[in-house]
Amino acid sequence: MDNLQRQYLEAMGIQMWESRDGSAPTSPPEVVAEPAISEPVVRVAPVQAGKTEPLHLDTSSETQPKSAPGQAPELVPEQRLAQEDDVALLDWNALQSRVSTCALCDELVANRSQTVFGVGDPAADWMVIGEAPGTEEDQQGEPFVGPAGQLLNNMLLAMGLKREQTFLANILKCRLPDKRDPKQQEAANCRTFLERQIALVKPKIILLLGKVAAQNILSSDQTIGHMRGEVYYYGDEKIPIIVTYHPAYLLRAPKEKRKAWDDLKLAMSVYSRQAGA
């Protein structure tokens, strides 16, 4: 580990210690607040059998309630298939234009200043996906800005990556009111946009930040503590997926930063194998 990487780890709030003889840095003793995966374990865990493809939530009439006032409108299967087929043909400019004019979710449209499409290298090896834009992201039109964005930048730099070398996106392209979680139908309405972004980027690895991103993409209701430490795969391309905490959560729970660093080390290990394959 070089001095620059050590500085970025310290900026994340992870202090590295060196022995008196100047040998390699080691981690300081730490009391773990709750039982969790203490070391990253590579366990191949495909998307659960019986589920639809990642991001494809069950929106059949048998399982979805009718939309109530203020909820996102529900598309019938024929409408959804037509939308998916249409979006799947869009290039970057057409996709961004489509996102900017999307009006599927009345409450989100009324709440947003603008949509937040995503930012970064459109051919990046690393794709980072979070939940939804916050207030600052809504104002600036870019994901992961403000304190959480700065922490994410430091996390990436600790891995040897610059922000502009990745592609950053969210499950939703619109700000959520009252900092609530996305409704299932809102995530379903937005899913085709993210799927098309993944198809266009063709990343070698996907890093999911936070519970909402992980549960939506992996079609899971497990806690993030249970999803961490495993390698999942996305789509027919079998793109590796690693789950970790959202930077905004790490700002509120700094003791979890070391666990996040374990996740990032796992991601780097998986990526190295992918790149060398």
C-alpha atoms as a PDB file:
ATOM      1  CA  MET A   1       0.000   0.000   0.000  1.00  0.00           C
ATOM      2  CA  ASP A   2       1.489   3.328  -1.035  1.00  0.00           C
ATOM      3  CA  ASN A   3       1.280   6.610   0.879  1.00  0.00           C
ATOM      4  CA  LEU A   4      -1.409   8.028  -1.418  1.00  0.00           C
ATOM      5  CA  GLN A   5      -3.727   5.071  -0.909  1.00  0.00           C
ATOM      6  CA  ARG A   6      -3.135   5.253   2.835  1.00  0.00           C
ATOM      7  CA  GLN A   7      -4.162   8.916   2.766  1.00  0.00           C
ATOM      8  CA  TYR A   8      -7.416   8.043   1.009  1.00  0.00           C
ATOM      9  CA  LEU A   9      -8.162   5.314   3.522  1.00  0.00           C
ATOM     10  CA  GLU A  10      -7.594   7.790   6.321  1.00  0.00           C
ATOM     11  CA  ALA A  11      -9.905  10.222   4.508  1.00  0.00           C
ATOM     12  CA  MET A  12     -12.541   7.481   4.618  1.00  0.00           C
ATOM     13  CA  GLY A  13     -12.035   7.358   8.366  1.00  0.00           C
ATOM     14  CA  ILE A  14      -9.998   4.142   8.357  1.00  0.00           C
ATOM     15  CA  GLN A  15      -6.717   4.635  10.152  1.00  0.00           C
ATOM     16  CA  MET A  16      -3.838   2.395   9.132  1.00  0.00           C
ATOM     17  CA  TRP A  17      -1.026   1.556  11.543  1.00  0.00           C
ATOM     18  CA  GLU A  18       2.595   0.666  10.895  1.00  0.00           C
ATOM     19  CA  SER A  19       4.830  -1.422  13.103  1.00  0.00           C
ATOM     20  CA  ARG A  20       7.860   0.260  14.669  1.00  0.00           C
ATOM     21  CA  ASP A  21      10.199  -1.464  12.255  1.00  0.00           C
ATOM     22  CA  GLY A  22       8.422   0.195   9.314  1.00  0.00           C
ATOM     23  CA  SER A  23       6.879  -3.001   7.960  1.00  0.00           C
ATOM     24  CA  ALA A  24       3.536  -3.174   6.152  1.00  0.00           C
ATOM     25  CA  PRO A  25       0.592  -1.385   7.777  1.00  0.00           C
ATOM     26  CA  THR A  26      -1.856  -3.383   9.806  1.00  0.00           C
ATOM     27  CA  SER A  27      -5.335  -2.705  11.017  1.00  0.00           C
ATOM     28  CA  PRO A  28      -5.754  -1.499  14.603  1.00  0.00           C
ATOM     29  CA  PRO A  29      -7.682  -3.665  17.046  1.00  0.00           C
ATOM     30  CA  GLU A  30     -11.373  -3.089  16.607  1.00  0.00           C
ATOM     31  CA  VAL A  31     -14.483  -3.969  18.527  1.00  0.00           C
ATOM     32  CA  VAL A  32     -17.209  -5.031  16.109  1.00  0.00           C
ATOM     33  CA  ALA A  33     -20.521  -3.541  17.122  1.00  0.00           C
ATOM     34  CA  GLU A  34     -22.631  -6.439  15.850  1.00  0.00           C
ATOM     35  CA  PRO A  35     -22.110  -9.900  14.352  1.00  0.00           C
ATOM     36  CA  ALA A  36     -21.254  -9.561  10.694  1.00  0.00           C
ATOM     37  CA  ILE A  37     -18.978 -10.955   8.051  1.00  0.00           C
ATOM     38  CA  SER A  38     -15.565  -9.996   9.402  1.00  0.00           C
ATOM     39  CA  GLU A  39     -13.607 -11.060   6.329  1.00  0.00           C
ATOM     40  CA  PRO A  40     -14.824 -11.063   2.741  1.00  0.00           C
ATOM     41  CA  VAL A  41     -15.722 -14.546   1.553  1.00  0.00           C
ATOM     42  CA  VAL A  42     -16.084 -15.268  -2.142  1.00  0.00           C
ATOM     43  CA  ARG A  43     -19.261 -17.282  -2.448  1.00  0.00           C
ATOM     44  CA  VAL A  44     -20.968 -17.428  -5.809  1.00  0.00           C
ATOM     45  CA  ALA A  45     -24.611 -16.578  -5.218  1.00  0.00           C
ATOM     46  CA  PRO A  46     -26.638 -16.194  -8.412  1.00  0.00           C
ATOM     47  CA  VAL A  47     -29.936 -14.327  -8.392  1.00  0.00           C
ATOM     48  CA  GLN A  48     -32.475 -16.507  -6.634  1.00  0.00           C
ATOM     49  CA  ALA A  49     -34.096 -19.212  -8.691  1.00  0.00           C
ATOM     50  CA  GLY A  50     -37.685 -18.529  -9.538  1.00  0.00           C
ATOM     51  CA  LYS A  51     -37.141 -14.780  -9.617  1.00  0.00           C
ATOM     52  CA  THR A  52     -37.160 -12.722 -12.769  1.00  0.00           C
ATOM     53  CA  GLU A  53     -33.954 -11.241 -14.125  1.00  0.00           C
ATOM     54  CA  PRO A  54     -32.185  -8.636 -11.951  1.00  0.00           C
ATOM     55  CA  LEU A  55     -34.220  -5.433 -11.771  1.00  0.00           C
ATOM     56  CA  HIS A  56     -37.344  -7.203 -13.089  1.00  0.00           C
ATOM     57  CA  LEU A  57     -39.777  -6.929 -10.223  1.00  0.00           C
ATOM     58  CA  ASP A  58     -43.020  -8.899 -10.145  1.00  0.00           C
ATOM     59  CA  THR A  59     -45.680  -6.448 -11.285  1.00  0.00           C
ATOM     60  CA  SER A  60     -48.473  -8.838 -12.210  1.00  0.00           C
ATOM     61  CA  SER A  61     -52.029  -7.921 -11.307  1.00  0.00           C
ATOM     62  CA  GLU A  62     -52.177 -10.844  -8.878  1.00  0.00           C
ATOM     63  CA  THR A  63     -49.361  -9.470  -6.715  1.00  0.00           C
ATOM     64  CA  GLN A  64     -49.571  -5.721  -7.214  1.00  0.00           C
ATOM     65  CA  PRO A  65     -52.332  -3.604  -5.659  1.00  0.00           C
ATOM     66  CA  LYS A  66     -54.088  -1.032  -7.774  1.00  0.00           C
ATOM     67  CA  SER A  67     -52.437   2.374  -7.723  1.00  0.00           C
ATOM     68  CA  ALA A  68     -53.885   4.747  -5.162  1.00  0.00           C
ATOM     69  CA  PRO A  69     -53.924   8.525  -5.581  1.00  0.00           C
ATOM     70  CA  GLY A  70     -50.397   9.873  -5.350  1.00  0.00           C
ATOM     71  CA  GLN A  71     -48.806   6.527  -6.229  1.00  0.00           C
ATOM     72  CA  ALA A  72     -46.923   5.741  -9.414  1.00  0.00           C
ATOM     73  CA  PRO A  73     -49.300   4.584 -12.170  1.00  0.00           C
ATOM     74  CA  GLU A  74     -49.185   0.868 -12.873  1.00  0.00           C
ATOM     75  CA  LEU A  75     -48.458  -0.195 -16.444  1.00  0.00           C
ATOM     76  CA  VAL A  76     -50.340  -3.185 -17.795  1.00  0.00           C
ATOM     77  CA  PRO A  77     -48.055  -5.974 -19.085  1.00  0.00           C
ATOM     78  CA  GLU A  78     -48.517  -4.973 -22.740  1.00  0.00           C
ATOM     79  CA  GLN A  79     -47.539  -1.373 -21.999  1.00  0.00           C
ATOM     80  CA  ARG A  80     -44.515  -2.457 -19.989  1.00  0.00           C
ATOM     81  CA  LEU A  81     -43.263  -4.821 -22.704  1.00  0.00           C
ATOM     82  CA  ALA A  82     -43.648  -2.079 -25.312  1.00  0.00           C
ATOM     83  CA  GLN A  83     -41.715   0.368 -23.134  1.00  0.00           C
ATOM     84  CA  GLU A  84     -38.938  -2.150 -22.449  1.00  0.00           C
ATOM     85  CA  ASP A  85     -38.586  -3.006 -26.133  1.00  0.00           C
ATOM     86  CA  ASP A  86     -38.499   0.679 -27.056  1.00  0.00           C
ATOM     87  CA  VAL A  87     -35.936   1.713 -24.426  1.00  0.00           C
ATOM     88  CA  ALA A  88     -33.732  -1.270 -25.304  1.00  0.00           C
ATOM     89  CA  LEU A  89     -33.095   0.315 -28.728  1.00  0.00           C
ATOM     90  CA  LEU A  90     -32.055   3.784 -27.508  1.00  0.00           C
ATOM     91  CA  ASP A  91     -28.520   5.153 -27.733  1.00  0.00           C
ATOM     92  CA  TRP A  92     -27.005   7.329 -24.993  1.00  0.00           C
ATOM     93  CA  ASN A  93     -28.411  10.648 -26.214  1.00  0.00           C
ATOM     94  CA  ALA A  94     -31.881   9.264 -26.878  1.00  0.00           C
ATOM     95  CA  LEU A  95     -31.916   7.480 -23.514  1.00  0.00           C
ATOM     96  CA  GLN A  96     -30.937  10.625 -21.630  1.00  0.00           C
ATOM     97  CA  SER A  97     -33.619  12.562 -23.462  1.00  0.00           C
ATOM     98  CA  ARG A  98     -36.216   9.933 -22.618  1.00  0.00           C
ATOM     99  CA  VAL A  99     -35.254   9.985 -18.944  1.00  0.00           C
ATOM    100  CA  SER A 100     -35.432  13.783 -18.793  1.00  0.00           C
ATOM    101  CA  THR A 101     -39.045  13.771 -20.004  1.00  0.00           C
ATOM    102  CA  CYS A 102     -40.271  10.705 -18.107  1.00  0.00           C
ATOM    103  CA  ALA A 103     -43.601  11.344 -16.370  1.00  0.00           C
ATOM    104  CA  LEU A 104     -44.583   7.857 -15.197  1.00  0.00           C
ATOM    105  CA  CYS A 105     -44.518   8.701 -11.475  1.00  0.00           C
ATOM    106  CA  ASP A 106     -46.748  11.693 -10.715  1.00  0.00           C
ATOM    107  CA  GLU A 107     -45.433  12.273  -7.202  1.00  0.00           C
ATOM    108  CA  LEU A 108     -41.782  12.147  -8.258  1.00  0.00           C
ATOM    109  CA  VAL A 109     -42.339  14.402 -11.260  1.00  0.00           C
ATOM    110  CA  ALA A 110     -44.005  16.979  -9.006  1.00  0.00           C
ATOM    111  CA  ASN A 111     -41.158  16.731  -6.497  1.00  0.00           C
ATOM    112  CA  ARG A 112     -38.116  16.961  -8.791  1.00  0.00           C
ATOM    113  CA  SER A 113     -36.228  19.941 -10.164  1.00  0.00           C
ATOM    114  CA  GLN A 114     -34.736  17.742 -12.885  1.00  0.00           C
ATOM    115  CA  THR A 115     -33.938  14.118 -13.510  1.00  0.00           C
ATOM    116  CA  VAL A 116     -30.501  12.795 -12.587  1.00  0.00           C
ATOM    117  CA  PHE A 117     -29.389  10.541 -15.412  1.00  0.00           C
ATOM    118  CA  GLY A 118     -25.932   9.453 -14.309  1.00  0.00           C
ATOM    119  CA  VAL A 119     -22.369  10.537 -14.916  1.00  0.00           C
ATOM    120  CA  GLY A 120     -18.966   9.125 -15.788  1.00  0.00           C
ATOM    121  CA  ASP A 121     -17.254   7.038 -18.421  1.00  0.00           C
ATOM    122  CA  PRO A 122     -19.891   5.482 -20.743  1.00  0.00           C
ATOM    123  CA  ALA A 123     -17.522   2.546 -21.312  1.00  0.00           C
ATOM    124  CA  ALA A 124     -16.325   2.155 -17.701  1.00  0.00           C
ATOM    125  CA  ASP A 125     -15.201  -1.165 -16.260  1.00  0.00           C
ATOM    126  CA  TRP A 126     -16.786  -0.178 -12.924  1.00  0.00           C
ATOM    127  CA  MET A 127     -20.437   0.764 -12.573  1.00  0.00           C
ATOM    128  CA  VAL A 128     -21.619   2.106  -9.209  1.00  0.00           C
ATOM    129  CA  ILE A 129     -25.347   2.121  -8.447  1.00  0.00           C
ATOM    130  CA  GLY A 130     -27.089   3.793  -5.540  1.00  0.00           C
ATOM    131  CA  GLU A 131     -30.667   4.486  -4.511  1.00  0.00           C
ATOM    132  CA  ALA A 132     -31.979   7.843  -5.729  1.00  0.00           C
ATOM    133  CA  PRO A 133     -30.879  11.473  -6.022  1.00  0.00           C
ATOM    134  CA  GLY A 134     -30.920  13.602  -2.892  1.00  0.00           C
ATOM    135  CA  THR A 135     -31.599  17.316  -2.656  1.00  0.00           C
ATOM    136  CA  GLU A 136     -28.126  18.371  -3.813  1.00  0.00           C
ATOM    137  CA  GLU A 137     -28.154  15.827  -6.644  1.00  0.00           C
ATOM    138  CA  ASP A 138     -31.562  17.077  -7.739  1.00  0.00           C
ATOM    139  CA  GLN A 139     -30.258  20.633  -7.839  1.00  0.00           C
ATOM    140  CA  GLN A 140     -27.011  19.817  -9.661  1.00  0.00           C
ATOM    141  CA  GLY A 141     -28.300  17.052 -11.915  1.00  0.00           C
ATOM    142  CA  GLU A 142     -25.458  14.712 -10.944  1.00  0.00           C
ATOM    143  CA  PRO A 143     -25.440  11.677  -8.636  1.00  0.00           C
ATOM    144  CA  PHE A 144     -23.330  11.400  -5.504  1.00  0.00           C
ATOM    145  CA  VAL A 145     -22.460  15.006  -4.711  1.00  0.00           C
ATOM    146  CA  GLY A 146     -22.150  16.655  -1.320  1.00  0.00           C
ATOM    147  CA  PRO A 147     -20.611  14.887   1.706  1.00  0.00           C
ATOM    148  CA  ALA A 148     -21.739  11.403   0.600  1.00  0.00           C
ATOM    149  CA  GLY A 149     -20.278  12.017  -2.832  1.00  0.00           C
ATOM    150  CA  GLN A 150     -16.976  13.126  -1.346  1.00  0.00           C
ATOM    151  CA  LEU A 151     -16.811   9.966   0.741  1.00  0.00           C
ATOM    152  CA  LEU A 152     -17.567   7.876  -2.356  1.00  0.00           C
ATOM    153  CA  ASN A 153     -14.757   9.664  -4.181  1.00  0.00           C
ATOM    154  CA  ASN A 154     -12.374   8.705  -1.363  1.00  0.00           C
ATOM    155  CA  MET A 155     -13.620   5.112  -1.448  1.00  0.00           C
ATOM    156  CA  LEU A 156     -12.916   4.952  -5.174  1.00  0.00           C
ATOM    157  CA  LEU A 157      -9.519   6.588  -4.797  1.00  0.00           C
ATOM    158  CA  ALA A 158      -8.601   4.066  -2.110  1.00  0.00           C
ATOM    159  CA  MET A 159      -9.187   1.414  -4.779  1.00  0.00           C
ATOM    160  CA  GLY A 160      -7.025   3.312  -7.251  1.00  0.00           C
ATOM    161  CA  LEU A 161      -9.988   4.661  -9.229  1.00  0.00           C
ATOM    162  CA  LYS A 162     -10.917   8.198 -10.120  1.00  0.00           C
ATOM    163  CA  ARG A 163     -14.587   9.156 -10.140  1.00  0.00           C
ATOM    164  CA  GLU A 164     -14.501   9.837 -13.871  1.00  0.00           C
ATOM    165  CA  GLN A 165     -13.231   6.316 -14.539  1.00  0.00           C
ATOM    166  CA  THR A 166     -16.521   4.848 -13.300  1.00  0.00           C
ATOM    167  CA  PHE A 167     -20.136   5.266 -14.304  1.00  0.00           C
ATOM    168  CA  LEU A 168     -22.377   6.414 -11.444  1.00  0.00           C
ATOM    169  CA  ALA A 169     -26.129   5.900 -11.515  1.00  0.00           C
ATOM    170  CA  ASN A 170     -29.132   5.291  -9.261  1.00  0.00           C
ATOM    171  CA  ILE A 171     -32.115   2.984  -9.136  1.00  0.00           C
ATOM    172  CA  LEU A 172     -34.355   6.049  -9.537  1.00  0.00           C
ATOM    173  CA  LYS A 173     -33.650   9.099 -11.665  1.00  0.00           C
ATOM    174  CA  CYS A 174     -35.859  11.422  -9.589  1.00  0.00           C
ATOM    175  CA  ARG A 175     -35.531  12.721  -6.031  1.00  0.00           C
ATOM    176  CA  LEU A 176     -37.743  11.030  -3.472  1.00  0.00           C
ATOM    177  CA  PRO A 177     -39.888  13.217  -1.205  1.00  0.00           C
ATOM    178  CA  ASP A 178     -39.288  13.145   2.550  1.00  0.00           C
ATOM    179  CA  LYS A 179     -36.225  10.875   2.146  1.00  0.00           C
ATOM    180  CA  ARG A 180     -38.478   7.822   1.976  1.00  0.00           C
ATOM    181  CA  ASP A 181     -37.644   4.543   0.231  1.00  0.00           C
ATOM    182  CA  PRO A 182     -38.820   4.070  -3.350  1.00  0.00           C
ATOM    183  CA  LYS A 183     -42.158   2.396  -3.820  1.00  0.00           C
ATOM    184  CA  GLN A 184     -42.010  -0.886  -5.695  1.00  0.00           C
ATOM    185  CA  GLN A 185     -43.881   0.539  -8.665  1.00  0.00           C
ATOM    186  CA  GLU A 186     -41.560   3.552  -8.878  1.00  0.00           C
ATOM    187  CA  ALA A 187     -38.540   1.247  -9.069  1.00  0.00           C
ATOM    188  CA  ALA A 188     -40.336  -0.880 -11.660  1.00  0.00           C
ATOM    189  CA  ASN A 189     -41.177   2.189 -13.774  1.00  0.00           C
ATOM    190  CA  CYS A 190     -37.524   3.269 -13.758  1.00  0.00           C
ATOM    191  CA  ARG A 191     -35.899  -0.118 -14.170  1.00  0.00           C
ATOM    192  CA  THR A 192     -35.744  -0.146 -17.975  1.00  0.00           C
ATOM    193  CA  PHE A 193     -33.643   3.023 -17.961  1.00  0.00           C
ATOM    194  CA  LEU A 194     -31.057   1.494 -15.635  1.00  0.00           C
ATOM    195  CA  GLU A 195     -31.075  -1.793 -17.536  1.00  0.00           C
ATOM    196  CA  ARG A 196     -30.324   0.102 -20.744  1.00  0.00           C
ATOM    197  CA  GLN A 197     -27.520   2.035 -19.020  1.00  0.00           C
ATOM    198  CA  ILE A 198     -25.957  -1.245 -17.902  1.00  0.00           C
ATOM    199  CA  ALA A 199     -26.303  -2.651 -21.423  1.00  0.00           C
ATOM    200  CA  LEU A 200     -24.624   0.423 -22.920  1.00  0.00           C
ATOM    201  CA  VAL A 201     -21.789   0.653 -20.383  1.00  0.00           C
ATOM    202  CA  LYS A 202     -21.060  -3.088 -20.414  1.00  0.00           C
ATOM    203  CA  PRO A 203     -19.202  -2.905 -17.075  1.00  0.00           C
ATOM    204  CA  LYS A 204     -16.873  -5.639 -15.904  1.00  0.00           C
ATOM    205  CA  ILE A 205     -18.185  -5.285 -12.337  1.00  0.00           C
ATOM    206  CA  ILE A 206     -21.114  -3.573 -10.574  1.00  0.00           C
ATOM    207  CA  LEU A 207     -20.883  -2.097  -7.079  1.00  0.00           C
ATOM    208  CA  LEU A 208     -24.249  -1.704  -5.330  1.00  0.00           C
ATOM    209  CA  LEU A 209     -24.419   0.946  -2.626  1.00  0.00           C
ATOM    210  CA  GLY A 210     -27.031   0.462   0.060  1.00  0.00           C
ATOM    211  CA  LYS A 211     -30.039  -1.690   0.838  1.00  0.00           C
ATOM    212  CA  VAL A 212     -32.405  -0.210  -1.739  1.00  0.00           C
ATOM    213  CA  ALA A 213     -30.058  -0.731  -4.679  1.00  0.00           C
ATOM    214  CA  ALA A 214     -29.160  -4.250  -3.570  1.00  0.00           C
ATOM    215  CA  GLN A 215     -32.724  -5.372  -2.869  1.00  0.00           C
ATOM    216  CA  ASN A 216     -34.037  -4.036  -6.168  1.00  0.00           C
ATOM    217  CA  ILE A 217     -31.319  -5.366  -8.422  1.00  0.00           C
ATOM    218  CA  LEU A 218     -31.035  -8.733  -6.673  1.00  0.00           C
ATOM    219  CA  SER A 219     -34.807  -9.101  -6.194  1.00  0.00           C
ATOM    220  CA  SER A 220     -34.184  -9.772  -2.531  1.00  0.00           C
ATOM    221  CA  ASP A 221     -35.675  -8.726   0.788  1.00  0.00           C
ATOM    222  CA  GLN A 222     -32.569  -9.625   2.785  1.00  0.00           C
ATOM    223  CA  THR A 223     -30.728  -7.066   4.894  1.00  0.00           C
ATOM    224  CA  ILE A 224     -27.527  -5.604   3.553  1.00  0.00           C
ATOM    225  CA  GLY A 225     -25.636  -7.399   6.307  1.00  0.00           C
ATOM    226  CA  HIS A 226     -26.735 -10.714   4.806  1.00  0.00           C
ATOM    227  CA  MET A 227     -26.008  -9.626   1.221  1.00  0.00           C
ATOM    228  CA  ARG A 228     -22.478  -8.395   1.880  1.00  0.00           C
ATOM    229  CA  GLY A 229     -19.478 -10.653   1.339  1.00  0.00           C
ATOM    230  CA  GLU A 230     -20.929 -12.587  -1.588  1.00  0.00           C
ATOM    231  CA  VAL A 231     -20.490 -12.406  -5.342  1.00  0.00           C
ATOM    232  CA  TYR A 232     -23.700 -12.145  -7.353  1.00  0.00           C
ATOM    233  CA  TYR A 233     -24.093 -12.017 -11.126  1.00  0.00           C
ATOM    234  CA  TYR A 234     -26.188  -9.814 -13.372  1.00  0.00           C
ATOM    235  CA  GLY A 235     -27.930 -10.990 -16.518  1.00  0.00           C
ATOM    236  CA  ASP A 236     -26.786 -13.357 -19.235  1.00  0.00           C
ATOM    237  CA  GLU A 237     -23.420 -11.581 -19.301  1.00  0.00           C
ATOM    238  CA  LYS A 238     -22.802 -12.751 -15.701  1.00  0.00           C
ATOM    239  CA  ILE A 239     -21.436  -9.378 -14.622  1.00  0.00           C
ATOM    240  CA  PRO A 240     -20.159  -9.728 -11.021  1.00  0.00           C
ATOM    241  CA  ILE A 241     -22.021  -7.714  -8.392  1.00  0.00           C
ATOM    242  CA  ILE A 242     -20.670  -6.695  -4.984  1.00  0.00           C
ATOM    243  CA  VAL A 243     -22.869  -5.155  -2.278  1.00  0.00           C
ATOM    244  CA  THR A 244     -21.693  -2.601   0.283  1.00  0.00           C
ATOM    245  CA  TYR A 245     -23.022   0.230   2.416  1.00  0.00           C
ATOM    246  CA  HIS A 246     -24.161   3.537   0.952  1.00  0.00           C
ATOM    247  CA  PRO A 247     -21.765   6.432   1.690  1.00  0.00           C
ATOM    248  CA  ALA A 248     -24.599   8.397   3.280  1.00  0.00           C
ATOM    249  CA  TYR A 249     -25.078   5.568   5.781  1.00  0.00           C
ATOM    250  CA  LEU A 250     -21.338   5.399   6.457  1.00  0.00           C
ATOM    251  CA  LEU A 251     -21.384   9.082   7.379  1.00  0.00           C
ATOM    252  CA  ARG A 252     -24.004   8.260  10.026  1.00  0.00           C
ATOM    253  CA  ALA A 253     -22.304   5.028  11.121  1.00  0.00           C
ATOM    254  CA  PRO A 254     -18.540   5.540  10.727  1.00  0.00           C
ATOM    255  CA  LYS A 255     -17.750   2.302  12.583  1.00  0.00           C
ATOM    256  CA  GLU A 256     -19.021   0.425   9.525  1.00  0.00           C
ATOM    257  CA  LYS A 257     -16.375   1.958   7.248  1.00  0.00           C
ATOM    258  CA  ARG A 258     -13.976  -0.906   7.877  1.00  0.00           C
ATOM    259  CA  LYS A 259     -16.632  -3.378   6.751  1.00  0.00           C
ATOM    260  CA  ALA A 260     -17.112  -1.267   3.633  1.00  0.00           C
ATOM    261  CA  TRP A 261     -13.365  -1.441   2.999  1.00  0.00           C
ATOM    262  CA  ASP A 262     -13.604  -5.258   3.237  1.00  0.00           C
ATOM    263  CA  ASP A 263     -16.312  -5.110   0.570  1.00  0.00           C
ATOM    264  CA  LEU A 264     -14.162  -2.920  -1.664  1.00  0.00           C
ATOM    265  CA  LYS A 265     -11.232  -5.312  -1.297  1.00  0.00           C
ATOM    266  CA  LEU A 266     -13.514  -8.148  -2.347  1.00  0.00           C
ATOM    267  CA  ALA A 267     -14.640  -6.122  -5.355  1.00  0.00           C
ATOM    268  CA  MET A 268     -11.029  -5.435  -6.357  1.00  0.00           C
ATOM    269  CA  SER A 269     -10.198  -9.124  -6.070  1.00  0.00           C
ATOM    270  CA  VAL A 270     -13.163 -10.142  -8.227  1.00  0.00           C
ATOM    271  CA  TYR A 271     -12.369  -7.440 -10.784  1.00  0.00           C
ATOM    272  CA  SER A 272      -8.745  -8.573 -11.017  1.00  0.00           C
ATOM    273  CA  ARG A 273      -9.896 -12.084 -11.831  1.00  0.00           C
ATOM    274  CA  GLN A 274     -12.339 -10.737 -14.415  1.00  0.00           C
ATOM    275  CA  ALA A 275      -9.712  -8.568 -16.071  1.00  0.00           C
ATOM    276  CA  GLY A 276      -7.236 -11.436 -16.138  1.00  0.00           C
ATOM    277  CA  ALA A 277      -9.713 -13.969 -17.498  1.00  0.00           C
END
